[in-house]
Protein backbone atom coordinates (compact mmCIF):
# COMPACT_ATOMS: atom_id res chain seq x y z
CA MET A 1 -30.00 9.97 33.05
CA SER A 2 -28.20 9.32 29.86
CA ALA A 3 -29.69 10.95 26.66
CA CYS A 4 -28.03 8.41 24.32
CA SER A 5 -30.40 7.12 21.65
CA CYS A 6 -33.16 9.63 22.84
CA PRO A 7 -35.42 11.36 20.31
CA THR A 8 -33.50 14.58 20.37
CA GLU A 9 -30.17 12.84 19.60
CA HIS A 10 -29.74 14.10 16.17
CA ILE A 11 -30.74 17.69 16.98
CA SER A 12 -28.20 17.72 19.74
CA GLU A 13 -25.58 16.34 17.29
CA TYR A 14 -26.41 19.12 15.04
CA LEU A 15 -26.20 21.82 17.65
CA ASP A 16 -22.86 20.49 18.87
CA ALA A 17 -21.47 21.09 15.20
CA VAL A 18 -22.78 24.64 15.36
CA LEU A 19 -21.41 25.27 18.82
CA GLN A 20 -18.09 23.79 18.66
CA PRO A 21 -16.37 26.67 16.75
CA LEU A 22 -17.64 29.11 19.33
CA VAL A 23 -16.21 26.94 22.28
CA GLN A 24 -12.80 27.00 20.55
CA SER A 25 -12.87 30.72 20.39
CA LEU A 26 -13.20 31.10 24.13
CA PRO A 27 -10.11 32.74 25.66
CA THR A 28 -9.87 30.09 28.45
CA TYR A 29 -10.40 27.21 26.14
CA ILE A 30 -8.39 24.00 26.53
CA LYS A 31 -8.98 21.14 24.09
CA ASP A 32 -7.09 18.31 25.92
CA SER A 33 -3.95 17.34 27.79
CA THR A 34 -1.76 18.05 24.79
CA HIS A 35 -3.11 21.42 24.31
CA ALA A 36 -2.69 22.17 27.98
CA LEU A 37 0.96 21.10 27.77
CA ASN A 38 1.60 23.39 24.73
CA LEU A 39 0.06 26.24 26.74
CA ILE A 40 2.35 25.54 29.65
CA GLU A 41 5.29 25.61 27.07
CA ASP A 42 4.09 29.04 26.07
CA ILE A 43 3.75 30.28 29.60
CA ASN A 44 7.28 29.32 30.27
CA GLN A 45 8.34 31.47 27.44
CA THR A 46 6.43 34.45 28.55
CA PRO A 47 8.85 37.41 29.28
CA ASN A 48 8.85 38.97 32.82
CA PHE A 49 6.27 36.52 34.09
CA GLU A 50 7.38 34.52 37.26
CA PRO A 51 4.25 32.89 38.89
CA LYS A 52 4.22 32.66 42.68
CA TYR A 53 1.23 30.43 42.86
CA LEU A 54 -0.47 27.70 40.99
CA PHE A 55 -4.25 27.20 41.46
CA THR A 56 -7.13 25.03 40.36
CA MET A 57 -10.77 25.75 40.25
CA ASP A 58 -13.19 22.92 39.58
CA VAL A 59 -16.96 23.31 39.28
CA THR A 60 -19.07 20.89 41.35
CA SER A 61 -21.59 18.77 39.25
CA LEU A 62 -21.42 21.37 36.17
CA TYR A 63 -23.85 19.43 33.95
CA THR A 64 -26.65 19.26 36.34
CA CYS A 65 -26.37 22.69 37.88
CA ILE A 66 -26.98 24.84 34.95
CA PRO A 67 -30.27 26.46 34.97
CA HIS A 68 -31.97 26.40 31.63
CA SER A 69 -32.54 30.26 31.42
CA ASP A 70 -28.85 31.02 32.16
CA GLY A 71 -27.64 28.41 29.85
CA LEU A 72 -29.81 29.48 26.99
CA LYS A 73 -28.88 33.16 27.69
CA ALA A 74 -25.23 32.13 27.26
CA LEU A 75 -25.89 30.39 23.99
CA LYS A 76 -27.65 33.47 22.63
CA HIS A 77 -24.85 35.66 23.60
CA PHE A 78 -22.25 33.69 21.63
CA LEU A 79 -24.61 32.84 18.68
CA ASN A 80 -25.30 36.55 18.19
CA LYS A 81 -21.48 36.95 17.84
CA ARG A 82 -21.33 34.85 14.69
CA ALA A 83 -20.07 36.64 11.50
CA THR A 84 -22.74 34.84 9.62
CA PRO A 85 -25.90 34.36 11.64
CA ASP A 86 -27.17 31.48 9.72
CA PRO A 87 -29.16 29.54 10.75
CA PRO A 88 -30.90 32.30 12.82
CA THR A 89 -30.03 32.39 16.58
CA ASP A 90 -33.81 32.11 17.53
CA THR A 91 -34.05 28.72 15.61
CA LEU A 92 -30.98 27.36 17.19
CA ILE A 93 -32.22 28.44 20.68
CA ARG A 94 -35.52 26.81 20.16
CA LEU A 95 -33.66 23.53 19.01
CA ALA A 96 -31.60 23.70 22.22
CA GLU A 97 -34.77 24.08 24.30
CA LEU A 98 -36.14 20.89 22.86
CA VAL A 99 -32.83 19.21 23.84
CA LEU A 100 -32.91 20.51 27.32
CA ASN A 101 -36.63 20.14 28.04
CA LYS A 102 -37.37 16.79 26.33
CA ASN A 103 -35.11 14.44 28.45
CA THR A 104 -37.52 11.96 29.81
CA PHE A 105 -37.24 8.47 31.19
CA SER A 106 -39.37 5.74 32.85
CA PHE A 107 -38.84 3.94 36.18
CA ARG A 108 -41.22 1.48 37.76
CA ASP A 109 -44.05 2.66 35.41
CA GLU A 110 -43.60 6.19 36.30
CA VAL A 111 -42.42 8.87 33.56
CA PHE A 112 -39.89 11.57 34.72
CA SER A 113 -38.79 14.62 32.98
CA GLN A 114 -35.36 16.38 33.70
CA MET A 115 -36.27 19.94 34.87
CA SER A 116 -32.72 21.37 35.34
CA GLY A 117 -29.22 20.93 33.84
CA VAL A 118 -28.22 19.17 30.60
CA ALA A 119 -28.56 15.58 30.08
CA MET A 120 -25.48 13.32 30.45
CA GLY A 121 -24.52 11.77 27.16
CA THR A 122 -26.15 14.28 24.86
CA LYS A 123 -23.83 15.43 22.09
CA MET A 124 -24.29 19.16 22.67
CA GLY A 125 -23.67 18.84 26.46
CA PRO A 126 -19.98 19.62 26.77
CA SER A 127 -20.23 22.57 24.22
CA TYR A 128 -23.34 23.92 26.06
CA ALA A 129 -21.49 23.73 29.49
CA CYS A 130 -18.27 25.44 28.10
CA LEU A 131 -20.34 28.19 26.63
CA PHE A 132 -22.21 28.66 29.88
CA MET A 133 -18.98 28.92 31.78
CA GLY A 134 -17.37 31.09 29.24
CA HIS A 135 -20.25 33.59 29.46
CA LEU A 136 -19.93 33.46 33.23
CA GLU A 137 -16.25 34.14 33.12
CA HIS A 138 -17.00 37.16 30.61
CA THR A 139 -19.49 38.61 32.98
CA LEU A 140 -17.69 38.23 36.29
CA LEU A 141 -14.51 39.75 34.73
CA GLN A 142 -16.36 42.78 33.76
CA GLN A 143 -17.75 43.26 37.29
CA TYR A 144 -14.55 42.35 39.11
CA LYS A 145 -12.35 45.66 39.57
CA LYS A 146 -9.49 44.17 41.61
CA PRO A 147 -6.20 42.47 40.18
CA VAL A 148 -7.06 39.13 38.27
CA PRO A 149 -4.58 36.25 37.76
CA GLU A 150 -2.48 36.57 34.66
CA ILE A 151 -3.13 32.91 33.36
CA TYR A 152 -6.42 31.11 33.59
CA LYS A 153 -7.49 28.22 31.39
CA ARG A 154 -10.39 25.70 31.62
CA TYR A 155 -11.16 22.22 30.32
CA ILE A 156 -15.03 22.17 30.63
CA ASP A 157 -15.39 22.26 34.31
CA ASP A 158 -11.76 22.01 35.38
CA GLY A 159 -9.78 25.38 35.63
CA ILE A 160 -5.96 25.79 35.94
CA GLY A 161 -4.07 29.02 36.65
CA ALA A 162 -0.76 30.67 37.53
CA THR A 163 -0.25 34.17 39.01
CA SER A 164 2.28 36.38 40.43
CA LEU A 165 -0.49 37.90 42.66
CA SER A 166 -0.08 37.81 46.47
CA TYR A 167 -1.99 34.98 48.24
CA ASN A 168 -4.55 37.44 49.57
CA GLN A 169 -5.17 38.81 46.08
CA LEU A 170 -5.67 35.46 44.68
CA LEU A 171 -8.01 34.50 47.44
CA ASP A 172 -10.14 37.52 47.02
CA PHE A 173 -10.63 36.71 43.36
CA ILE A 174 -11.44 33.07 44.10
CA ASN A 175 -14.04 34.25 46.72
CA PHE A 176 -15.63 36.53 44.28
CA VAL A 177 -15.84 33.64 41.61
CA GLN A 178 -17.18 31.30 44.30
CA ASN A 179 -20.08 33.68 45.24
CA PHE A 180 -20.90 35.04 41.83
CA HIS A 181 -23.54 32.65 40.64
CA PRO A 182 -25.95 30.92 43.20
CA ALA A 183 -26.02 27.71 41.28
CA VAL A 184 -22.39 27.24 40.39
CA LYS A 185 -19.97 26.10 43.18
CA PHE A 186 -16.29 25.56 43.02
CA THR A 187 -13.74 23.57 44.81
CA TYR A 188 -10.20 25.14 44.64
CA GLU A 189 -6.50 24.47 45.52
CA ILE A 190 -3.72 27.15 45.92
CA SER A 191 -0.18 26.01 46.00
CA GLU A 192 3.26 27.38 45.71
CA LYS A 193 4.68 23.96 44.69
CA SER A 194 2.30 21.74 42.73
CA VAL A 195 -1.36 21.07 41.77
CA THR A 196 -3.11 18.44 39.78
CA PHE A 197 -4.99 19.03 36.53
CA LEU A 198 -6.52 16.44 34.30
CA ASP A 199 -4.02 13.52 34.03
CA MET A 200 -0.93 15.66 34.98
CA LYS A 201 0.92 16.96 37.98
CA LEU A 202 2.15 20.57 37.64
CA TYR A 203 5.07 21.86 39.59
CA LEU A 204 6.33 25.35 40.14
CA LYS A 205 10.12 25.53 40.25
CA GLN A 206 12.04 28.72 40.14
CA GLY A 207 9.21 30.63 38.31
CA LYS A 208 8.85 27.83 35.51
CA LEU A 209 6.24 25.08 35.23
CA THR A 210 7.26 21.59 34.91
CA THR A 211 4.89 18.49 34.51
CA SER A 212 4.59 14.84 35.37
CA VAL A 213 1.91 12.19 35.11
CA HIS A 214 -0.73 12.05 37.76
CA TYR A 215 -2.59 8.92 38.72
CA LYS A 216 -5.81 9.03 40.59
CA SER A 217 -6.02 7.17 43.98
CA THR A 218 -8.69 4.98 42.39
CA ASP A 219 -6.52 4.12 39.28
CA SER A 220 -6.00 0.32 39.45
CA HIS A 221 -3.72 0.33 36.29
CA SER A 222 -5.92 -2.46 34.81
CA TYR A 223 -4.53 -2.51 31.35
CA LEU A 224 -5.96 -5.12 28.90
CA ASP A 225 -4.86 -8.52 30.29
CA TYR A 226 -2.47 -9.95 27.81
CA ARG A 227 -4.31 -13.33 27.87
CA SER A 228 -7.40 -11.77 26.68
CA SER A 229 -8.72 -12.79 23.13
CA HIS A 230 -7.76 -9.66 21.26
CA ASN A 231 -5.82 -9.02 18.03
CA PRO A 232 -2.10 -9.44 19.09
CA SER A 233 -1.23 -6.15 17.36
CA THR A 234 -3.77 -4.36 19.57
CA LYS A 235 -2.27 -5.68 22.76
CA ASN A 236 1.20 -5.02 21.65
CA SER A 237 0.47 -1.44 20.87
CA ILE A 238 -0.88 -0.56 24.29
CA PRO A 239 2.53 -0.33 25.99
CA PHE A 240 3.93 1.94 23.32
CA SER A 241 0.95 4.25 23.48
CA GLN A 242 1.18 4.42 27.28
CA PHE A 243 4.90 5.02 27.17
CA LEU A 244 4.39 7.74 24.57
CA ARG A 245 1.88 9.35 26.80
CA LEU A 246 4.38 9.48 29.59
CA ARG A 247 7.09 10.95 27.29
CA ARG A 248 4.43 13.70 26.52
CA LEU A 249 3.56 14.40 30.21
CA CYS A 250 7.00 14.18 31.82
CA SER A 251 8.93 17.47 31.00
CA ASP A 252 12.01 16.11 32.90
CA ASP A 253 13.88 13.17 31.31
CA ALA A 254 14.93 11.70 34.70
CA ASP A 255 11.24 11.77 35.76
CA PHE A 256 10.19 10.08 32.39
CA GLU A 257 12.63 7.14 33.12
CA GLU A 258 11.27 6.67 36.73
CA LYS A 259 7.68 6.78 35.63
CA ALA A 260 8.49 4.50 32.70
CA GLU A 261 10.04 1.96 35.00
CA GLU A 262 6.98 2.05 37.18
CA MET A 263 4.77 1.54 34.18
CA ALA A 264 6.61 -1.34 32.86
CA ASN A 265 5.93 -3.17 36.07
CA PHE A 266 2.19 -2.44 35.63
CA PHE A 267 2.24 -4.21 32.39
CA LEU A 268 4.33 -7.06 33.73
CA GLN A 269 1.60 -7.52 36.34
CA ARG A 270 -1.01 -7.72 33.52
CA ARG A 271 1.11 -10.65 32.09
CA TYR A 272 2.72 -8.71 29.18
CA PRO A 273 5.91 -10.40 27.83
CA GLU A 274 8.94 -8.61 29.16
CA ASN A 275 10.39 -8.26 25.71
CA THR A 276 7.26 -6.72 24.39
CA VAL A 277 7.36 -4.09 27.20
CA LYS A 278 11.00 -3.46 26.59
CA LYS A 279 10.67 -3.16 22.89
CA ALA A 280 7.83 -0.52 23.28
CA LEU A 281 10.07 1.48 25.86
CA ASP A 282 13.08 1.34 23.58
CA GLN A 283 10.89 2.67 20.65
CA VAL A 284 9.67 5.66 22.68
CA ARG A 285 12.95 6.61 24.46
CA PRO A 286 14.62 8.30 21.49
CA ILE A 287 11.50 10.41 20.50
CA PRO A 288 12.07 14.08 21.47
CA ARG A 289 9.53 15.25 23.85
CA GLN A 290 8.66 18.29 21.69
CA LYS A 291 7.62 16.01 18.81
CA THR A 292 5.09 14.35 21.09
CA LEU A 293 3.44 17.75 21.60
CA GLN A 294 2.86 18.27 17.86
CA PRO A 295 -0.64 17.27 16.60
CA ASN A 296 -0.92 14.48 14.05
CA SER A 297 -0.63 15.71 10.51
CA LYS A 298 -2.52 12.81 8.75
CA THR A 299 -3.52 13.93 5.25
CA ALA A 300 -6.40 12.61 3.15
CA ALA A 301 -3.95 10.87 0.81
CA GLU A 302 -2.70 8.58 3.77
CA GLU A 303 -6.28 7.56 4.62
CA ARG A 304 -7.24 4.06 3.55
CA PRO A 305 -10.58 2.18 3.37
CA ILE A 306 -11.38 0.29 6.53
CA MET A 307 -12.62 -3.31 6.49
CA SER A 308 -14.16 -4.10 9.94
CA LEU A 309 -14.30 -7.75 11.15
CA LEU A 310 -15.40 -9.19 14.27
CA TYR A 311 -12.24 -10.34 16.01
CA HIS A 312 -11.54 -14.25 16.38
CA PRO A 313 -8.33 -15.78 16.14
CA SER A 314 -9.26 -17.50 12.85
CA THR A 315 -10.19 -14.03 11.14
CA ILE A 316 -6.61 -12.92 11.27
CA ARG A 317 -6.20 -15.40 8.22
CA VAL A 318 -8.77 -13.04 6.35
CA ARG A 319 -6.25 -10.38 6.35
CA LYS A 320 -3.35 -12.61 4.92
CA ILE A 321 -5.76 -13.87 2.28
CA ILE A 322 -6.78 -10.37 1.17
CA LEU A 323 -3.27 -9.02 1.16
CA SER A 324 -1.76 -11.94 -0.67
CA ASN A 325 -4.38 -11.78 -3.47
CA TRP A 326 -4.64 -7.97 -3.83
CA SER A 327 -2.78 -8.03 -7.10
CA LEU A 328 -5.91 -9.71 -8.61
CA LEU A 329 -7.92 -6.51 -7.90
CA GLN A 330 -5.21 -4.38 -9.32
CA ALA A 331 -5.06 -6.23 -12.52
CA ARG A 332 -8.31 -4.73 -13.61
CA THR A 333 -8.06 -1.08 -14.40
CA GLU A 334 -11.68 -0.13 -13.41
CA VAL A 335 -11.31 -1.91 -10.11
CA ALA A 336 -7.93 -0.56 -9.39
CA LYS A 337 -9.30 2.97 -9.57
CA ILE A 338 -11.75 2.14 -6.89
CA PHE A 339 -9.45 0.16 -4.72
CA SER A 340 -6.10 2.03 -5.16
CA ARG A 341 -4.75 1.06 -1.72
CA PRO A 342 -5.24 -2.09 0.35
CA PRO A 343 -7.77 -1.80 3.08
CA LEU A 344 -6.91 -1.30 6.68
CA ILE A 345 -8.16 -4.31 8.52
CA ALA A 346 -9.78 -3.30 11.84
CA TYR A 347 -11.37 -5.79 14.32
CA LYS A 348 -14.09 -5.14 16.53
CA ARG A 349 -15.19 -7.21 19.67
CA ASP A 350 -18.00 -9.69 19.43
CA THR A 351 -20.93 -9.74 21.86
CA ASN A 352 -19.61 -10.72 25.31
CA ILE A 353 -21.21 -11.77 28.63
CA ARG A 354 -21.37 -8.20 29.97
CA ASP A 355 -23.59 -7.33 26.79
CA MET A 356 -25.86 -10.04 27.64
CA LEU A 357 -26.28 -9.31 31.44
CA VAL A 358 -26.45 -5.57 31.41
CA ARG A 359 -29.26 -3.81 29.71
CA SER A 360 -30.84 -0.41 29.97
CA LYS A 361 -34.34 -1.94 30.37
CA LEU A 362 -35.18 -5.36 31.93
CA ARG A 363 -37.05 -7.75 29.59
CA GLN A 364 -39.91 -9.85 30.85
CA PRO A 365 -38.94 -13.58 30.81
CA ALA A 366 -40.64 -15.56 27.96
CA THR A 367 -43.59 -17.48 29.11
């Protein structure tokens, strides 16, 4: 059940702010695909390390399988390691207990309470799950006395590793992990050639890792239809962002060109003009891949006030009116200090048919 808009939502949001720094300090922590790609670059630069195998280990239904007692034990373990224990660990644990134990919902006039696991949608859920897994990893590594894989990283419940161990040594380690906690079960894959992780395909070639894009079998490539009533700049930016994503994921230039040609066809099928798709691809081609792996360095000075409008073709005129008359605001010194830069005009969608038909609770028809 989703915990969005539940009574403990703000408590959960506060706890997430406290737990996030602890999650980021975990030795196996992966933030996102870009972080994973940078880690792969570092692995390729590691001297005297030539992996024989790639492997993945994914937890089955992580959020719902965490026993409250073990999850709270993990939180306490990491909270006690804070340099400044403020607020006190006991207070934070009590708040976490409220989030875990007060997820209730009604169905057909009956009230239910979630007894195990963490609620889907609650803000602290990913951090809580990551710290539980971090504590589990810490404990099992203390008890495992045989050789362990040299590289192992994890994005919440998805683990990825590379090792020079023999196949049997790696399998012994995975079997130990599989049977370590009665509530936590893994699926795994071992390969000498390639594995999938998040939205990428990893290949092992001559002791080095290369990457490419990975599409799930259920991916229908249903990008926003170009005929949809959206701001034209929004629609035109989608091909550029997707080609840029390919540039980041594909470590080989020839592979990027092949995947980009494939993606161009996806957009043409969604009625995007051919010149729009070609222009986006031409913009991305000269960008060095290494640059796409760098985080955005947006400074506070570059930030602009945002004016949010409901999108309609007629509201585009509002932007033109504001920008063409901006000099009137700048003419007055006191106003110019407040509005030093023109606002960024952002559009949000209006209520649509889906919003009218889909509700979390059915309403009785008016009589």
